Structures are given as C-alpha cells and as structure tokens.
Amino acid sequence: MSRGRHVLLARLDSAGDVLLMGPAVRAVAARAERVTLLCGRRGRPAAELLPGVDAIVEHTAPWIDPEPGQLDREETLGLVDTLAGLGADEAIVLTSFHQSALPLALLLRLAGIPRITGISEDYPGSLLDVRVRVDEASDEHEVERALRVVGAAGYTLPQGDQRRLSVVRPWGPPPLGGEYVVVHPGTSVPARAWPAERHAALVDALVRRGRGVVVTGSADERALTRAVSGERGFDLGGRTSFAELADALAGAEAVVAGNTGAAHLAAAVATPVVSLFAPTVPAVRWRPWGVPVELLGDQDAPCAGSRATSCPVAGHPCLCSVSVNDALSAVGRLTLRQELAA
C-alpha cells in the first residue's frame, strides 16, 4: 500500500485488547497517511495512548460488548453516517477467535468504505474484500493475530520494530520515592480473581522484606484496594486515569496482576509481570507480551477454555492453588532477573 491512504482500524472490546493491537497499529501507521481507530467505550482509554493513532471514533457495539444494550436503529445509522464522513480508503477489522467481523463489515459497507479486511470462517459474501482465514486451534498470540490481519491488507512493521507493546506516556512522577512493586487485585470478571486476602497477605510479605508496594485499581475497586493495601501498602485505588496508571506501572520493579488490562498495560511500559492467569482463555494467546513473565495458575484446570466469567468449579482451583509464597517467589525471580540484566 502507498502512503496517502486513510485507514480505519477497528477493535471494539476492552482496553487490554486495544493495547494488544498496538504493533498492528504501528504497521499500518508506517505506510498510511492517517489512521483512525474505531473502539468501544471500554477500549478508549487505551486507544488514546497508542502510538500511530491520529483520531478515534467511539461506538459501543452490542455484538461485542460483554454487557450489551439493545441494538438502537438511530444510533447504528448514526455510526454509519459517521463512518461515511471519515472518507477512509479502507477498513481493517480486528477480532478475537470468539468474535465475528461481519456485523461491523456490514456497517462499513453501508458507509461506502471501498476496501474491508477481516477474519471470517463464515462465508462473507461481498462484505469483505480481503478475507483472512486462521487456524483457530493454533497457539497464535493476539498480537500475532492482529499483525496477520493487517499483513493480509498489505501492512507490515518497519525494519527494526521489535513488535512490543507501547504507549505514549505523560511521564508523571512515580507514586513512591524509591523502588516498589505494584499489586493490582481487580479483574474484569470474578473468574480471573485471586482472593483478596491473598493479595493483602502478599502486600504484607513484600513490605516485611523491605519492598515498597503500590496497590492500584479503578474507582469501582476502592474498597478492594483499601482492604488489600491495609496499613502497609500505598493505596492508589480510584486515584489514577489510565495514563496515570501507565506511569505508576512504568516506575515499578514488577507488577502482580490477573489476566486483565493492567497486565497488558504493564507490558506496554516494559515492566515485568507476575501473571495470575485463570485459564478460562488460553494463556498462550493472552499472556502479557514482550516482557519477562512469571505465569501462575493451573492452566489445565477444569475451567480451561470455558470463557467463564464466574468460576464454574467449586473452590476456584485454578487460582486458589497459587499460594502467597508462590507469588512472593515469582516477584523475587523477576526482580533478580532485572538486577542481573542492569
């Protein structure tokens, strides 16, 4: 593809998913004159930090959002009009294995966008100009999957790009003066959560070993972060924007987090991750990308691959099998690795 083109990239789900499309965005931005990103409300905070994005269009899609509202005719037709007004030369729809590109492709076609690329195992008819087929049983990470799709449209990363996640950071001051570990206890769904009392015990254990600890979370998680931080940790729950959270994570020696956006944001600022990973989705596709990772959790538990939002197995064995000492040792291994590499 030649420069001078306006490309619309679409990823309609969460902040973590949007962060994982970062290398694909850079591949398109390297050859296009303008990149517009279509995202949902959950993904917008991440979209605002991605290098290579020139403009953002927000739409919460009821065929993607985990808590969908009813499809609204006027709102949907308004999106078609907005997309038509962009004057984009092409659109590339990025999806995960459990999503379809075709509902959005239909709207993009109604908007008159002349070239549309996306993955589809179903027959797309005239909705896609470039139909990408993938082996959904493969071990391809979401970053590689997105690069495959934009590659099919003719966009590849420039030489020297290491395919890592990246964000534009405001570089605010770190929350603590010295070295610290971030503990992020919240998750998007209960099935991915390590027990709060174990997070709290980990904070205590880290502080007893002389480490500073910052506990992070959203405004809705203030009670959780307060309980986890206790009297020893520094509680940042509900006190940061997504960009400010990136700064807090960037200053950390390591981040302890579940399979959630904070883990991917840590990877985007090159901070090692202790990943408390419930196998409801495959770690091989969704683990933090491009940074040292200690993956904890029983990846062969009965819930593996279920995409459950609440644990379907009594006792939540996939994560309750992880002890505080397991997490503490994982932090130690990551920080020692960083010290040896310095």
Protein backbone atom coordinates (compact mmCIF):
# COMPACT_ATOMS: atom_id res chain seq x y z
CA MET A 1 0.00 0.00 0.00
CA SER A 2 1.23 3.51 -0.79
CA ARG A 3 1.26 6.39 1.62
CA GLY A 4 -1.55 8.92 1.35
CA ARG A 5 -4.23 6.47 2.39
CA HIS A 6 -6.63 6.96 5.29
CA VAL A 7 -7.06 3.65 7.11
CA LEU A 8 -9.77 2.88 9.64
CA LEU A 9 -8.74 0.23 12.17
CA ALA A 10 -11.41 -1.31 14.39
CA ARG A 11 -11.17 -3.10 17.74
CA LEU A 12 -14.38 -2.88 19.72
CA ASP A 13 -13.73 -4.59 23.06
CA SER A 14 -11.61 -3.92 26.17
CA ALA A 15 -8.60 -1.76 26.98
CA GLY A 16 -6.35 -4.81 27.12
CA ASP A 17 -7.49 -5.93 23.68
CA VAL A 18 -6.80 -2.48 22.26
CA LEU A 19 -3.31 -2.45 23.78
CA LEU A 20 -2.57 -5.80 22.12
CA MET A 21 -3.31 -4.34 18.69
CA GLY A 22 -0.55 -1.74 19.19
CA PRO A 23 2.04 -3.36 16.90
CA ALA A 24 -0.63 -3.75 14.19
CA VAL A 25 -1.46 -0.05 14.51
CA ARG A 26 2.20 0.85 14.07
CA ALA A 27 2.42 -1.38 10.99
CA VAL A 28 -0.46 0.49 9.37
CA ALA A 29 0.75 3.91 10.52
CA ALA A 30 4.16 3.28 8.95
CA ARG A 31 2.61 3.24 5.47
CA ALA A 32 -0.64 5.21 5.77
CA GLU A 33 -1.01 8.96 5.93
CA ARG A 34 -3.78 8.82 8.51
CA VAL A 35 -5.05 6.17 10.95
CA THR A 36 -8.44 6.38 12.65
CA LEU A 37 -9.26 3.87 15.37
CA LEU A 38 -12.84 2.72 15.96
CA CYS A 39 -13.18 1.39 19.51
CA GLY A 40 -15.73 0.87 22.26
CA ARG A 41 -16.04 2.82 25.50
CA ARG A 42 -14.06 0.15 27.38
CA GLY A 43 -11.19 0.39 24.95
CA ARG A 44 -10.99 4.15 24.52
CA PRO A 45 -8.58 4.88 27.42
CA ALA A 46 -6.07 2.53 25.81
CA ALA A 47 -6.74 3.85 22.31
CA GLU A 48 -5.81 7.34 23.47
CA LEU A 49 -2.32 6.08 24.40
CA LEU A 50 -1.46 4.12 21.25
CA PRO A 51 1.32 5.49 19.04
CA GLY A 52 0.21 5.88 15.44
CA VAL A 53 -3.44 6.76 16.08
CA ASP A 54 -4.48 10.10 14.58
CA ALA A 55 -8.18 10.08 15.51
CA ILE A 56 -10.66 7.98 17.49
CA VAL A 57 -14.29 7.13 16.84
CA GLU A 58 -16.10 5.56 19.80
CA HIS A 59 -19.01 3.16 19.49
CA THR A 60 -20.11 0.52 21.99
CA ALA A 61 -21.13 -2.41 19.81
CA PRO A 62 -23.89 -4.66 21.19
CA TRP A 63 -22.46 -7.63 19.25
CA ILE A 64 -19.10 -7.28 21.09
CA ASP A 65 -19.60 -5.56 24.48
CA PRO A 66 -19.85 -8.02 27.42
CA GLU A 67 -22.79 -6.09 28.88
CA PRO A 68 -24.63 -5.20 25.67
CA GLY A 69 -27.55 -2.86 25.38
CA GLN A 70 -30.23 -3.30 22.79
CA LEU A 71 -29.36 -2.51 19.19
CA ASP A 72 -30.61 1.01 18.57
CA ARG A 73 -31.61 1.82 14.99
CA GLU A 74 -30.87 5.56 15.14
CA GLU A 75 -27.56 5.07 16.94
CA THR A 76 -26.47 2.42 14.46
CA LEU A 77 -27.42 4.50 11.43
CA GLY A 78 -25.64 7.44 13.05
CA LEU A 79 -22.48 5.32 13.22
CA VAL A 80 -22.84 4.52 9.53
CA ASP A 81 -23.08 8.26 8.78
CA THR A 82 -20.03 8.98 10.96
CA LEU A 83 -18.02 6.30 9.20
CA ALA A 84 -19.12 7.57 5.81
CA GLY A 85 -17.96 11.05 6.75
CA LEU A 86 -14.44 9.89 7.54
CA GLY A 87 -13.53 9.45 3.91
CA ALA A 88 -11.45 6.37 4.75
CA ASP A 89 -9.91 4.47 1.87
CA GLU A 90 -10.10 1.15 3.66
CA ALA A 91 -11.00 -0.51 6.93
CA ILE A 92 -9.38 -3.37 8.81
CA VAL A 93 -11.48 -5.17 11.43
CA LEU A 94 -9.57 -6.88 14.26
CA THR A 95 -11.33 -9.59 16.24
CA SER A 96 -10.57 -12.46 18.61
CA PHE A 97 -11.43 -16.10 17.92
CA HIS A 98 -14.85 -15.81 19.60
CA GLN A 99 -15.94 -12.71 17.67
CA SER A 100 -17.23 -12.07 14.16
CA ALA A 101 -16.03 -9.29 11.89
CA LEU A 102 -19.15 -9.45 9.75
CA PRO A 103 -21.61 -7.23 11.70
CA LEU A 104 -19.17 -4.31 11.57
CA ALA A 105 -18.21 -5.15 7.99
CA LEU A 106 -21.87 -4.73 7.02
CA LEU A 107 -21.94 -1.24 8.57
CA LEU A 108 -18.64 -0.33 6.94
CA ARG A 109 -20.01 -1.43 3.58
CA LEU A 110 -23.15 0.67 4.12
CA ALA A 111 -20.81 3.58 4.89
CA GLY A 112 -19.25 3.19 1.46
CA ILE A 113 -15.75 2.21 2.58
CA PRO A 114 -14.33 0.62 -0.56
CA ARG A 115 -11.93 -1.98 0.88
CA ILE A 116 -12.55 -4.06 4.00
CA THR A 117 -10.31 -6.71 5.58
CA GLY A 118 -11.18 -9.10 8.38
CA ILE A 119 -11.12 -12.68 9.63
CA SER A 120 -14.11 -14.82 8.75
CA GLU A 121 -14.65 -18.55 8.81
CA ASP A 122 -18.24 -17.94 7.71
CA TYR A 123 -18.94 -17.06 4.09
CA PRO A 124 -18.67 -13.23 3.98
CA GLY A 125 -20.27 -12.66 0.59
CA SER A 126 -19.46 -9.14 -0.54
CA LEU A 127 -18.84 -7.82 2.98
CA LEU A 128 -15.09 -8.45 2.90
CA ASP A 129 -12.65 -7.65 0.12
CA VAL A 130 -9.78 -9.40 1.90
CA ARG A 131 -10.96 -12.46 3.78
CA VAL A 132 -8.42 -13.79 6.26
CA ARG A 133 -8.61 -17.41 7.39
CA VAL A 134 -6.81 -18.57 10.52
CA ASP A 135 -6.43 -21.85 12.33
CA GLU A 136 -8.42 -21.17 15.48
CA ALA A 137 -6.84 -24.19 17.15
CA SER A 138 -3.37 -22.67 16.80
CA ASP A 139 -1.29 -21.13 19.57
CA GLU A 140 -1.10 -17.72 17.90
CA HIS A 141 -0.96 -14.82 20.36
CA GLU A 142 -3.43 -11.95 19.90
CA VAL A 143 -0.56 -9.63 18.92
CA GLU A 144 0.48 -12.01 16.14
CA ARG A 145 -3.13 -12.50 15.07
CA ALA A 146 -3.61 -8.74 14.61
CA LEU A 147 -0.34 -8.47 12.68
CA ARG A 148 -1.52 -11.31 10.44
CA VAL A 149 -4.71 -9.42 9.57
CA VAL A 150 -3.05 -6.09 8.76
CA GLY A 151 -0.38 -8.03 6.87
CA ALA A 152 -3.08 -9.51 4.66
CA ALA A 153 -4.16 -5.94 3.90
CA GLY A 154 -0.60 -5.08 2.88
CA TYR A 155 0.84 -3.52 6.05
CA THR A 156 3.95 -4.78 7.84
CA LEU A 157 6.08 -3.39 10.62
CA PRO A 158 9.12 -1.40 9.53
CA GLN A 159 12.54 -2.92 9.93
CA GLY A 160 13.79 -2.64 13.49
CA ASP A 161 10.36 -2.63 15.16
CA GLN A 162 10.51 -5.34 17.84
CA ARG A 163 6.72 -5.96 17.87
CA ARG A 164 6.46 -4.98 21.54
CA LEU A 165 3.52 -3.19 23.08
CA SER A 166 3.92 0.54 23.50
CA VAL A 167 2.03 3.56 24.77
CA VAL A 168 2.58 7.30 24.73
CA ARG A 169 3.17 8.20 28.37
CA PRO A 170 2.89 11.56 30.15
CA TRP A 171 5.79 10.54 32.45
CA GLY A 172 4.38 11.91 35.67
CA PRO A 173 6.22 11.45 38.97
CA PRO A 174 6.24 7.93 40.46
CA PRO A 175 3.84 7.39 43.39
CA LEU A 176 6.70 6.37 45.72
CA GLY A 177 10.16 7.83 46.03
CA GLY A 178 12.06 4.54 45.92
CA GLU A 179 11.70 1.12 44.34
CA TYR A 180 8.30 -0.55 44.58
CA VAL A 181 6.12 -3.39 43.35
CA VAL A 182 2.59 -2.80 42.04
CA VAL A 183 -0.17 -5.15 43.20
CA HIS A 184 -3.32 -4.87 41.08
CA PRO A 185 -6.02 -7.08 42.68
CA GLY A 186 -9.01 -6.21 40.49
CA THR A 187 -10.15 -8.12 37.42
CA SER A 188 -12.86 -7.61 34.85
CA VAL A 189 -14.72 -10.79 35.92
CA PRO A 190 -14.69 -12.86 39.14
CA ALA A 191 -13.35 -16.00 37.43
CA ARG A 192 -10.00 -14.25 36.92
CA ALA A 193 -9.57 -13.04 40.51
CA TRP A 194 -7.04 -14.30 43.06
CA PRO A 195 -8.59 -13.99 46.55
CA ALA A 196 -8.36 -10.51 48.09
CA GLU A 197 -6.98 -11.89 51.36
CA ARG A 198 -4.05 -13.42 49.49
CA HIS A 199 -3.33 -10.12 47.78
CA ALA A 200 -3.34 -8.48 51.21
CA ALA A 201 -1.01 -11.14 52.62
CA LEU A 202 1.31 -10.64 49.64
CA VAL A 203 1.44 -6.90 50.32
CA ASP A 204 2.38 -7.59 53.95
CA ALA A 205 5.03 -10.12 52.92
CA LEU A 206 6.60 -7.77 50.37
CA VAL A 207 6.74 -4.89 52.87
CA ARG A 208 8.28 -7.15 55.51
CA ARG A 209 11.03 -7.89 53.01
CA GLY A 210 11.73 -4.21 52.54
CA ARG A 211 9.87 -3.53 49.33
CA GLY A 212 7.56 -0.62 48.75
CA VAL A 213 4.13 -1.66 47.47
CA VAL A 214 1.61 0.35 45.46
CA VAL A 215 -1.92 -1.05 45.14
CA THR A 216 -3.84 0.07 42.06
CA GLY A 217 -7.41 -0.24 40.88
CA SER A 218 -10.34 1.60 39.35
CA ALA A 219 -12.78 3.88 41.15
CA ASP A 220 -15.19 0.93 41.45
CA GLU A 221 -12.47 -1.06 43.23
CA ARG A 222 -11.65 1.37 46.04
CA ALA A 223 -12.96 -0.91 48.78
CA LEU A 224 -10.87 -3.75 47.37
CA THR A 225 -7.66 -1.73 47.07
CA ARG A 226 -8.16 -0.29 50.56
CA ALA A 227 -8.52 -3.78 52.03
CA VAL A 228 -5.53 -5.12 50.11
CA SER A 229 -3.20 -2.21 50.86
CA GLY A 230 -4.06 -2.16 54.58
CA GLU A 231 -1.67 -0.09 56.67
CA ARG A 232 1.45 -1.15 54.76
CA GLY A 233 0.75 -0.52 51.08
CA PHE A 234 0.25 2.78 49.24
CA ASP A 235 -3.34 2.78 48.01
CA LEU A 236 -3.86 4.34 44.57
CA GLY A 237 -7.29 2.78 44.04
CA GLY A 238 -9.55 5.14 42.08
CA ARG A 239 -6.90 7.86 42.03
CA THR A 240 -5.42 7.43 38.57
CA SER A 241 -6.52 7.84 34.99
CA PHE A 242 -5.47 5.10 32.60
CA ALA A 243 -2.50 7.23 31.53
CA GLU A 244 -1.52 7.87 35.15
CA LEU A 245 -1.79 4.15 35.84
CA ALA A 246 0.68 3.62 32.99
CA ASP A 247 3.12 5.92 34.76
CA ALA A 248 2.70 4.08 38.07
CA LEU A 249 3.31 0.75 36.35
CA ALA A 250 6.29 2.11 34.43
CA GLY A 251 8.05 3.02 37.68
CA ALA A 252 7.59 -0.42 39.24
CA GLU A 253 10.11 -3.23 39.54
CA ALA A 254 7.31 -5.71 38.82
CA VAL A 255 3.52 -5.86 38.62
CA VAL A 256 1.32 -8.57 40.13
CA ALA A 257 -1.97 -8.75 38.24
CA GLY A 258 -4.57 -11.12 36.89
CA ASN A 259 -5.44 -11.60 33.24
CA THR A 260 -6.69 -8.07 32.85
CA GLY A 261 -5.87 -4.76 31.19
CA ALA A 262 -3.36 -3.73 33.86
CA ALA A 263 -1.12 -6.68 32.95
CA HIS A 264 -1.09 -5.63 29.29
CA LEU A 265 -0.53 -2.01 30.27
CA ALA A 266 2.46 -3.12 32.37
CA ALA A 267 3.85 -4.92 29.32
CA ALA A 268 3.30 -1.77 27.25
CA VAL A 269 5.57 0.18 29.63
CA ALA A 270 8.14 -2.66 29.70
CA THR A 271 7.53 -3.72 33.31
CA PRO A 272 7.80 -7.46 34.18
CA VAL A 273 4.57 -9.16 35.20
CA VAL A 274 3.61 -11.84 37.71
CA SER A 275 0.55 -13.04 35.85
CA LEU A 276 -2.15 -14.68 37.99
CA PHE A 277 -3.73 -16.26 34.94
CA ALA A 278 -7.05 -18.11 35.11
CA PRO A 279 -7.16 -20.44 32.08
CA THR A 280 -10.72 -19.54 31.07
CA VAL A 281 -8.97 -18.16 27.98
CA PRO A 282 -5.68 -19.65 26.74
CA ALA A 283 -2.56 -18.07 28.23
CA VAL A 284 -0.70 -18.83 25.03
CA ARG A 285 -2.93 -16.27 23.29
CA TRP A 286 -3.46 -13.74 26.07
CA ARG A 287 -0.41 -13.71 28.35
CA PRO A 288 1.49 -10.41 28.75
CA TRP A 289 3.50 -9.83 25.60
CA GLY A 290 7.14 -8.93 25.17
CA VAL A 291 8.27 -8.66 28.82
CA PRO A 292 9.56 -11.15 31.41
CA VAL A 293 6.54 -13.02 32.82
CA GLU A 294 6.01 -15.41 35.70
CA LEU A 295 2.81 -17.26 34.80
CA LEU A 296 0.96 -18.60 37.88
CA GLY A 297 -2.23 -20.62 37.97
CA ASP A 298 -3.23 -24.15 36.95
CA GLN A 299 -3.52 -23.91 33.17
CA ASP A 300 -5.02 -27.42 32.99
CA ALA A 301 -7.84 -26.75 35.48
CA PRO A 302 -11.37 -27.91 34.52
CA CYS A 303 -12.35 -24.34 33.61
CA ALA A 304 -9.70 -24.17 30.85
CA GLY A 305 -11.06 -22.63 27.67
CA SER A 306 -14.54 -22.13 29.10
CA ARG A 307 -14.54 -18.31 28.86
CA ALA A 308 -16.50 -18.38 32.13
CA THR A 309 -17.00 -15.06 33.90
CA SER A 310 -17.78 -16.72 37.26
CA CYS A 311 -15.80 -19.77 38.31
CA PRO A 312 -17.71 -22.94 37.32
CA VAL A 313 -15.63 -25.17 39.62
CA ALA A 314 -16.05 -25.30 43.40
CA GLY A 315 -13.14 -23.74 45.24
CA HIS A 316 -11.78 -21.81 42.25
CA PRO A 317 -8.84 -24.24 41.98
CA CYS A 318 -7.06 -22.67 39.03
CA LEU A 319 -6.02 -19.64 41.10
CA CYS A 320 -6.61 -20.78 44.68
CA SER A 321 -3.85 -23.31 44.05
CA VAL A 322 -1.45 -20.33 43.95
CA SER A 323 -0.08 -19.55 47.40
CA VAL A 324 1.21 -16.23 48.72
CA ASN A 325 4.70 -17.75 48.78
CA ASP A 326 4.30 -18.70 45.11
CA ALA A 327 3.56 -15.08 44.21
CA LEU A 328 6.29 -13.76 46.51
CA SER A 329 8.87 -16.07 44.94
CA ALA A 330 7.76 -15.06 41.45
CA VAL A 331 8.29 -11.37 42.30
CA GLY A 332 11.74 -12.25 43.62
CA ARG A 333 12.69 -14.09 40.44
CA LEU A 334 11.59 -11.21 38.23
CA THR A 335 13.33 -8.50 40.24
CA LEU A 336 16.52 -10.57 40.47
CA ARG A 337 16.45 -11.02 36.71
CA GLN A 338 16.14 -7.25 36.31
CA GLU A 339 19.06 -6.66 38.69
CA LEU A 340 21.28 -9.12 36.82
CA ALA A 341 20.38 -7.51 33.50
CA ALA A 342 21.19 -3.99 34.73
